[in-house]
Protein backbone atom coordinates (compact mmCIF):
# COMPACT_ATOMS: atom_id res chain seq x y z
CA MET A 1 19.34 27.92 -26.70
CA PRO A 2 19.94 29.96 -23.48
CA ILE A 3 20.20 27.16 -20.96
CA ILE A 4 21.49 28.58 -17.69
CA ASN A 5 25.23 27.87 -17.53
CA ARG A 6 25.28 26.97 -13.85
CA ILE A 7 22.55 24.40 -14.43
CA ALA A 8 24.45 22.90 -17.35
CA GLU A 9 27.39 22.47 -14.98
CA PHE A 10 25.49 20.08 -12.73
CA HIS A 11 23.58 18.28 -15.48
CA ASP A 12 25.42 15.01 -14.77
CA GLU A 13 24.74 15.31 -11.06
CA ILE A 14 20.99 15.72 -11.63
CA ALA A 15 21.01 12.81 -14.08
CA GLY A 16 22.64 10.73 -11.35
CA TRP A 17 19.82 11.55 -8.96
CA ARG A 18 17.30 10.68 -11.65
CA ARG A 19 18.86 7.30 -12.33
CA ASP A 20 18.99 6.52 -8.63
CA PHE A 21 15.25 7.23 -8.38
CA HIS A 22 14.71 5.11 -11.49
CA ALA A 23 16.49 2.14 -9.95
CA HIS A 24 14.40 2.38 -6.78
CA PRO A 25 10.77 2.95 -7.86
CA GLU A 26 7.99 3.22 -5.30
CA LEU A 27 4.22 3.19 -5.80
CA LEU A 28 1.46 5.59 -4.82
CA TYR A 29 1.90 6.83 -1.24
CA ASP A 30 4.67 4.36 -0.42
CA VAL A 31 7.39 6.72 -1.65
CA VAL A 32 9.28 6.62 1.63
CA ARG A 33 12.79 6.27 0.19
CA THR A 34 12.18 8.83 -2.56
CA ALA A 35 10.67 11.37 -0.17
CA GLY A 36 13.57 10.78 2.20
CA VAL A 37 16.13 11.55 -0.51
CA VAL A 38 14.16 14.64 -1.51
CA GLU A 39 14.02 15.88 2.08
CA GLN A 40 17.75 15.32 2.56
CA LYS A 41 18.69 17.22 -0.58
CA LEU A 42 16.33 20.13 0.12
CA ARG A 43 17.94 20.57 3.52
CA GLN A 44 21.38 20.26 1.93
CA PHE A 45 20.47 22.98 -0.58
CA GLY A 46 19.60 25.39 2.24
CA CYS A 47 15.82 25.53 1.95
CA ASP A 48 14.42 27.88 4.59
CA GLU A 49 11.72 25.36 5.49
CA VAL A 50 11.29 21.66 4.69
CA VAL A 51 8.02 20.01 5.63
CA THR A 52 7.31 16.29 5.26
CA GLY A 53 4.13 14.26 5.59
CA ILE A 54 1.93 16.61 3.55
CA GLY A 55 -0.59 14.32 1.87
CA ARG A 56 0.90 11.39 3.85
CA THR A 57 4.30 11.27 2.13
CA GLY A 58 4.55 14.55 0.23
CA VAL A 59 7.41 16.98 0.79
CA VAL A 60 7.40 20.77 0.50
CA GLY A 61 10.53 22.93 0.48
CA ILE A 62 10.34 26.70 0.86
CA ILE A 63 13.03 29.01 -0.52
CA ASN A 64 12.85 32.69 0.33
CA GLY A 65 13.98 35.21 -2.23
CA ARG A 66 16.45 38.01 -1.60
CA THR A 67 13.45 40.22 -0.90
CA ASN A 68 9.78 39.65 -0.18
CA THR A 69 7.99 42.92 -0.79
CA THR A 70 4.93 41.32 -2.44
CA GLY A 71 4.40 38.41 -0.06
CA ARG A 72 3.63 36.14 -3.00
CA THR A 73 4.41 32.41 -3.16
CA ILE A 74 4.70 30.42 -6.39
CA GLY A 75 4.24 26.64 -6.21
CA LEU A 76 6.31 24.39 -8.50
CA ARG A 77 5.17 20.76 -8.45
CA ALA A 78 6.76 17.41 -9.34
CA ASP A 79 5.36 13.90 -8.86
CA MET A 80 7.40 11.11 -7.25
CA ASP A 81 5.57 7.78 -7.70
CA ALA A 82 6.17 4.97 -10.18
CA LEU A 83 3.91 2.38 -11.83
CA PRO A 84 3.24 -1.35 -11.26
CA VAL A 85 5.10 -2.35 -14.45
CA THR A 86 7.98 -4.80 -14.95
CA GLU A 87 10.78 -2.93 -16.72
CA LYS A 88 12.21 -4.18 -20.02
CA THR A 89 14.59 -1.36 -20.94
CA GLY A 90 17.82 -3.26 -20.21
CA LYS A 91 19.40 -0.07 -18.83
CA ASP A 92 22.19 -0.43 -16.29
CA TYR A 93 20.10 1.71 -13.92
CA ALA A 94 16.89 -0.27 -14.56
CA SER A 95 14.46 -0.95 -11.73
CA THR A 96 15.84 -3.16 -8.99
CA ILE A 97 12.33 -3.98 -7.78
CA GLN A 98 10.31 -6.58 -9.66
CA GLY A 99 6.95 -5.30 -10.84
CA LYS A 100 7.69 -1.62 -10.21
CA MET A 101 9.03 0.87 -12.73
CA HIS A 102 9.31 4.58 -13.43
CA ALA A 103 7.37 4.24 -16.68
CA CYS A 104 6.04 7.81 -16.73
CA GLY A 105 9.13 9.90 -16.02
CA HIS A 106 8.34 10.98 -12.49
CA ASP A 107 11.94 10.17 -11.65
CA GLY A 108 12.96 12.89 -14.12
CA HIS A 109 10.35 15.32 -12.84
CA THR A 110 11.56 14.92 -9.25
CA ALA A 111 15.23 15.24 -10.23
CA MET A 112 14.62 18.39 -12.30
CA LEU A 113 12.76 20.12 -9.50
CA LEU A 114 15.59 19.21 -7.12
CA GLY A 115 17.98 20.76 -9.64
CA ALA A 116 15.92 23.94 -9.54
CA ALA A 117 16.00 23.83 -5.75
CA LYS A 118 19.79 23.67 -5.77
CA TYR A 119 20.11 26.63 -8.14
CA LEU A 120 17.44 28.77 -6.46
CA GLY A 121 18.94 28.06 -3.06
CA GLU A 122 22.25 29.43 -4.31
CA THR A 123 20.97 32.50 -6.15
CA ARG A 124 17.64 33.55 -4.60
CA ASN A 125 17.21 36.02 -7.44
CA PHE A 126 13.50 36.64 -6.86
CA ASP A 127 11.15 38.67 -4.68
CA GLY A 128 8.87 36.39 -2.67
CA ARG A 129 8.85 32.69 -1.92
CA ILE A 130 9.05 29.50 -3.97
CA ALA A 131 7.26 26.38 -2.73
CA LEU A 132 8.84 23.23 -4.17
CA ILE A 133 6.13 20.57 -4.05
CA PHE A 134 7.03 16.88 -4.30
CA GLN A 135 3.82 14.90 -4.57
CA PRO A 136 3.08 11.20 -4.01
CA ALA A 137 0.41 9.06 -5.66
CA GLU A 138 -0.23 10.85 -8.94
CA GLU A 139 -0.83 7.51 -10.66
CA GLY A 140 -4.40 6.94 -9.57
CA GLY A 141 -4.03 7.79 -5.89
CA ALA A 142 -4.98 11.49 -6.01
CA GLY A 143 -1.91 12.52 -4.03
CA GLY A 144 -2.34 16.11 -5.16
CA LYS A 145 -5.82 16.19 -3.64
CA ALA A 146 -4.45 14.66 -0.43
CA MET A 147 -1.82 17.41 -0.17
CA LEU A 148 -4.51 20.04 -0.62
CA LYS A 149 -6.62 18.43 2.12
CA ASP A 150 -3.57 18.68 4.38
CA GLY A 151 -3.58 22.44 3.89
CA LEU A 152 -1.02 22.85 1.11
CA VAL A 153 -2.47 26.15 -0.15
CA GLU A 154 -3.31 27.69 3.23
CA ARG A 155 -0.21 26.59 5.11
CA PHE A 156 2.21 27.90 2.50
CA ALA A 157 0.01 30.74 1.15
CA ILE A 158 0.43 29.59 -2.45
CA ASP A 159 -0.82 32.04 -5.08
CA GLU A 160 -0.13 30.11 -8.31
CA PHE A 161 0.80 26.57 -9.32
CA TYR A 162 3.00 25.40 -12.19
CA GLY A 163 3.49 21.81 -13.32
CA MET A 164 5.47 20.03 -16.05
CA HIS A 165 5.41 16.60 -17.70
CA ASN A 166 7.76 15.03 -20.19
CA TRP A 167 6.11 14.16 -23.52
CA PRO A 168 7.30 11.32 -25.80
CA GLY A 169 6.97 12.10 -29.50
CA MET A 170 7.53 15.82 -29.00
CA PRO A 171 11.04 16.84 -30.15
CA THR A 172 13.64 16.78 -27.43
CA GLY A 173 13.62 19.98 -25.40
CA HIS A 174 10.60 21.52 -27.10
CA PHE A 175 7.60 22.75 -25.08
CA GLY A 176 3.86 22.42 -25.65
CA ILE A 177 1.10 24.22 -23.79
CA ARG A 178 -2.43 25.52 -24.30
CA ALA A 179 -4.93 27.61 -22.38
CA GLY A 180 -8.00 25.77 -21.12
CA GLY A 181 -8.29 22.01 -20.87
CA ILE A 182 -4.93 20.34 -21.53
CA MET A 183 -5.51 16.97 -19.80
CA ALA A 184 -8.80 15.12 -19.58
CA ALA A 185 -11.13 14.21 -16.76
CA THR A 186 -10.68 10.52 -15.96
CA ASP A 187 -13.94 8.79 -15.06
CA ARG A 188 -14.77 5.08 -14.75
CA PHE A 189 -17.95 3.10 -15.25
CA TYR A 190 -18.94 -0.30 -13.88
CA ILE A 191 -21.80 -2.24 -15.47
CA ASP A 192 -23.39 -5.31 -13.83
CA ILE A 193 -25.55 -7.50 -16.07
CA THR A 194 -27.86 -10.19 -14.69
CA GLY A 195 -29.44 -12.79 -16.93
CA LYS A 196 -30.41 -16.42 -16.40
CA GLY A 197 -27.70 -19.06 -16.28
CA GLY A 198 -27.88 -22.59 -17.53
CA HIS A 199 -26.27 -25.40 -19.54
CA ALA A 200 -24.23 -24.19 -22.49
CA ALA A 201 -25.86 -26.89 -24.67
CA ARG A 202 -29.34 -25.46 -23.96
CA PRO A 203 -28.98 -21.69 -24.56
CA GLN A 204 -32.72 -21.42 -25.29
CA THR A 205 -33.41 -21.89 -21.58
CA THR A 206 -31.09 -19.05 -20.57
CA ILE A 207 -30.76 -15.31 -20.83
CA ASP A 208 -27.11 -15.13 -21.79
CA PRO A 209 -25.43 -12.13 -20.10
CA ILE A 210 -22.31 -12.62 -22.22
CA MET A 211 -24.29 -12.07 -25.40
CA VAL A 212 -25.90 -9.03 -23.78
CA ALA A 213 -22.46 -7.73 -22.84
CA ALA A 214 -21.06 -8.31 -26.32
CA ASN A 215 -23.87 -6.38 -27.97
CA MET A 216 -23.83 -3.71 -25.28
CA ILE A 217 -20.15 -3.02 -25.90
CA VAL A 218 -20.91 -2.22 -29.53
CA GLY A 219 -23.85 -0.06 -28.51
CA LEU A 220 -21.81 1.87 -25.96
CA GLN A 221 -19.69 3.28 -28.76
CA SER A 222 -22.71 5.15 -30.11
CA ILE A 223 -22.78 7.31 -26.99
CA VAL A 224 -19.77 9.27 -28.25
CA SER A 225 -20.28 8.87 -31.98
CA ARG A 226 -23.98 9.78 -31.98
CA ASN A 227 -24.47 11.98 -28.92
CA VAL A 228 -21.33 14.09 -28.51
CA ASP A 229 -20.63 17.01 -30.84
CA PRO A 230 -17.99 15.81 -33.34
CA LEU A 231 -16.00 18.98 -32.61
CA ALA A 232 -15.81 18.12 -28.91
CA ASN A 233 -13.31 15.72 -27.34
CA ALA A 234 -14.53 12.51 -25.71
CA VAL A 235 -13.38 8.92 -25.35
CA LEU A 236 -15.35 5.95 -24.05
CA SER A 237 -13.31 2.75 -23.85
CA VAL A 238 -14.36 -0.65 -22.53
CA THR A 239 -11.32 -2.10 -20.78
CA MET A 240 -12.54 -5.17 -18.89
CA VAL A 241 -15.17 -7.86 -19.42
CA GLU A 242 -15.73 -10.55 -16.81
CA ALA A 243 -18.10 -13.55 -16.97
CA GLY A 244 -18.28 -17.29 -16.48
CA GLU A 245 -16.34 -19.97 -14.65
CA ALA A 246 -16.67 -23.06 -16.90
CA ASP A 247 -16.72 -23.79 -20.62
CA ASN A 248 -20.03 -25.71 -20.45
CA VAL A 249 -21.97 -23.25 -18.31
CA ILE A 250 -23.68 -20.03 -19.37
CA SER A 251 -23.10 -17.63 -16.51
CA ARG A 252 -25.91 -15.79 -14.77
CA THR A 253 -23.91 -12.54 -14.58
CA ALA A 254 -21.39 -10.49 -16.51
CA LYS A 255 -19.49 -7.30 -15.77
CA ILE A 256 -18.21 -4.54 -18.04
CA THR A 257 -15.72 -1.92 -16.87
CA GLY A 258 -14.36 1.04 -18.77
CA THR A 259 -13.18 4.63 -18.75
CA VAL A 260 -14.55 7.92 -20.02
CA ARG A 261 -12.28 10.86 -20.87
CA THR A 262 -13.61 14.35 -21.50
CA LEU A 263 -12.30 17.92 -21.63
CA ASP A 264 -15.60 19.67 -20.96
CA GLY A 265 -17.95 19.42 -18.00
CA ALA A 266 -21.10 19.49 -20.13
CA VAL A 267 -19.84 16.59 -22.26
CA GLN A 268 -18.90 14.71 -19.08
CA ASP A 269 -22.45 15.19 -17.73
CA LEU A 270 -23.96 14.10 -21.04
CA ILE A 271 -22.03 10.82 -21.19
CA GLU A 272 -22.81 9.97 -17.57
CA GLN A 273 -26.53 10.52 -18.20
CA ARG A 274 -26.55 8.59 -21.47
CA LEU A 275 -24.90 5.62 -19.77
CA ALA A 276 -27.53 5.72 -17.03
CA ASP A 277 -30.32 5.73 -19.65
CA PHE A 278 -28.83 3.30 -22.14
CA VAL A 279 -27.54 0.43 -20.01
CA PRO A 280 -30.75 -0.78 -18.28
CA GLN A 281 -32.91 -0.23 -21.35
CA PHE A 282 -30.52 -2.10 -23.62
CA ALA A 283 -30.29 -5.05 -21.24
CA SER A 284 -34.06 -5.12 -20.89
CA SER A 285 -34.44 -5.62 -24.65
CA PHE A 286 -32.72 -9.00 -24.16
CA GLY A 287 -34.78 -9.87 -21.09
CA ALA A 288 -31.84 -9.16 -18.78
CA GLU A 289 -31.26 -6.57 -16.11
CA ALA A 290 -28.32 -4.22 -15.83
CA SER A 291 -27.13 -1.36 -13.66
CA VAL A 292 -24.29 1.11 -14.10
CA ARG A 293 -22.16 2.92 -11.53
CA TYR A 294 -20.32 6.00 -12.74
CA ALA A 295 -17.31 7.15 -10.73
CA ARG A 296 -15.73 10.53 -11.40
CA GLY A 297 -11.96 10.60 -11.09
CA TYR A 298 -9.46 13.39 -11.74
CA PRO A 299 -11.09 16.55 -13.11
CA VAL A 300 -10.01 18.29 -16.30
CA THR A 301 -6.60 19.96 -16.00
CA VAL A 302 -7.46 23.54 -16.89
CA ASN A 303 -4.70 26.04 -17.64
CA ALA A 304 -5.57 29.63 -16.74
CA PRO A 305 -5.10 32.00 -19.72
CA GLU A 306 -2.85 34.53 -17.98
CA GLN A 307 -0.56 31.93 -16.43
CA THR A 308 -0.47 29.95 -19.68
CA ALA A 309 0.69 32.99 -21.63
CA PHE A 310 3.32 33.62 -18.96
CA ALA A 311 4.55 30.00 -19.02
CA ALA A 312 4.80 30.05 -22.82
CA LYS A 313 6.80 33.29 -22.66
CA VAL A 314 9.21 31.73 -20.16
CA ALA A 315 9.55 28.61 -22.32
CA ARG A 316 10.37 30.76 -25.36
CA GLU A 317 13.05 32.50 -23.32
CA VAL A 318 14.62 29.14 -22.50
CA VAL A 319 14.46 27.36 -25.88
CA GLY A 320 13.43 29.94 -28.49
CA ALA A 321 10.05 30.76 -30.00
CA GLU A 322 10.34 28.11 -32.73
CA ARG A 323 10.50 25.37 -30.10
CA VAL A 324 7.34 26.36 -28.21
CA ASP A 325 3.83 25.44 -29.32
CA ASP A 326 1.33 27.49 -27.32
CA GLU A 327 -1.62 25.80 -29.03
CA ALA A 328 -0.53 22.22 -28.41
CA PRO A 329 -3.26 19.60 -28.75
CA PRO A 330 -4.74 18.42 -25.46
CA SER A 331 -4.22 14.91 -24.17
CA MET A 332 -7.01 12.53 -23.17
CA GLY A 333 -4.76 11.22 -20.42
CA GLY A 334 -5.44 12.40 -16.88
CA GLU A 335 -3.42 14.32 -14.31
CA ASP A 336 -4.16 15.08 -10.67
CA PHE A 337 -2.36 18.41 -10.89
CA SER A 338 -5.90 19.34 -11.94
CA PHE A 339 -6.91 19.52 -8.27
CA MET A 340 -4.26 22.15 -7.60
CA LEU A 341 -5.41 24.19 -10.60
CA GLU A 342 -8.94 24.12 -9.20
CA GLU A 343 -7.64 25.82 -6.05
CA ARG A 344 -5.31 28.39 -7.60
CA PRO A 345 -4.60 29.59 -11.16
CA GLY A 346 -1.59 28.17 -12.94
CA ALA A 347 -0.32 26.27 -15.95
CA TYR A 348 0.78 22.78 -16.89
CA ILE A 349 3.33 22.39 -19.68
CA PHE A 350 4.67 19.48 -21.76
CA LEU A 351 8.43 19.04 -22.23
CA GLY A 352 9.48 17.05 -25.30
CA ASN A 353 11.10 13.70 -24.46
CA GLY A 354 12.06 13.01 -28.07
CA ASP A 355 11.54 9.77 -29.96
CA SER A 356 11.16 7.58 -26.88
CA SER A 357 8.78 4.78 -26.00
CA GLU A 358 5.34 5.88 -24.92
CA LEU A 359 4.46 6.66 -21.34
CA HIS A 360 3.29 3.69 -19.25
CA THR A 361 5.15 1.12 -21.36
CA ASP A 362 7.80 -1.30 -20.10
CA THR A 363 10.45 0.12 -22.48
CA TYR A 364 9.95 3.81 -21.62
CA ASP A 365 12.81 5.87 -20.19
CA PHE A 366 13.10 9.54 -19.31
CA ASN A 367 15.47 11.42 -21.62
CA ASP A 368 18.30 12.87 -19.51
CA ALA A 369 19.18 15.27 -22.34
CA VAL A 370 16.17 17.43 -21.44
CA ILE A 371 17.23 17.96 -17.82
CA PRO A 372 18.95 21.37 -18.35
CA VAL A 373 15.91 22.56 -20.31
CA GLY A 374 13.44 21.55 -17.63
CA VAL A 375 15.51 22.94 -14.76
CA SER A 376 16.12 26.21 -16.61
CA TYR A 377 12.37 26.52 -17.19
CA TRP A 378 11.64 26.06 -13.48
CA VAL A 379 14.23 28.64 -12.51
CA ARG A 380 12.99 31.21 -15.01
CA VAL A 381 9.37 30.68 -13.89
CA ALA A 382 10.46 31.55 -10.36
CA GLU A 383 12.55 34.55 -11.36
CA ARG A 384 10.09 35.99 -13.89
CA ALA A 385 6.97 35.44 -11.78
CA LEU A 386 8.65 37.11 -8.79
CA PRO A 387 11.02 39.71 -10.26
CA ILE A 388 13.15 41.87 -8.03
CA ARG A 389 12.21 45.48 -8.76
């Protein structure tokens, strides 16, 4: 496994940064401490330019290669924010902030990209520029989109984007990637049901919105099972039901909230339209009224074929062909790196975290053993995408 020797030498140092980030998690755009540490280290590593405040609290570091005959810039992106979860790992570097936790490994992503910054700042063995992008608010805040609105692509003349995420359940240090949709679009729906309230002992005088909601939830599942091609990927999950204030009162209203995940725009359009058709008609059959609001979230994360093939080749160079799956199954989770891939071609790759707890759980922890693999991948992406001729 040809991990770069110099990177292996500062493995423990990078792990120390990671554990410091882990102990001090910050949410969404409030990543002030994390961004401050990132800025300090980028300057320490000799970045030619360090810009803060991109997308409110994002940080971009620019490293110039030994030469720049092509004028090309490759963007490497890591996310910095944590989740509103109370940690239960029992680690000695566990979160010091109640109700906040790095439960998705963004601490590891940030530390690995800093490791790449340190190495690339020393060697500069490439022809062009590397933009090291440290993004806030991936977890629902669309920080990637905010950075783009602040001129990320235009200001730094970025030609391609590459992203990476650790993946529990994938063997430690293995890679998974695929061309096309690799992470799903993340939409939400909000259903408001209005019936007729009354005394719980006299249900015959009411139009019970809770009963409507209960039956509607079952019916909603037919949208995927009986409308979407079985060979396509789609998920519709009801995640919240709200109704009532007392045990002897039938409420006048009820609310249903849920999420829709798709990997194809046509399937996304179909589900949105079927919800709009189904909800009011179904409620009407009970004598109730209902409306639905459909909110589109992160788009599908779409890997460009050329950049995906390149990323898989680099991964094979780092860990060997037998440890790289270039037809990895897509995930129905979402990722706002998708906004960057809508602006420029690129590729998003999974890095095996081993037999760890799942992402977004209170017992999850990033696997420090994969740090040299991830950093070596970043470095080789830079050097192979921008070779010195």
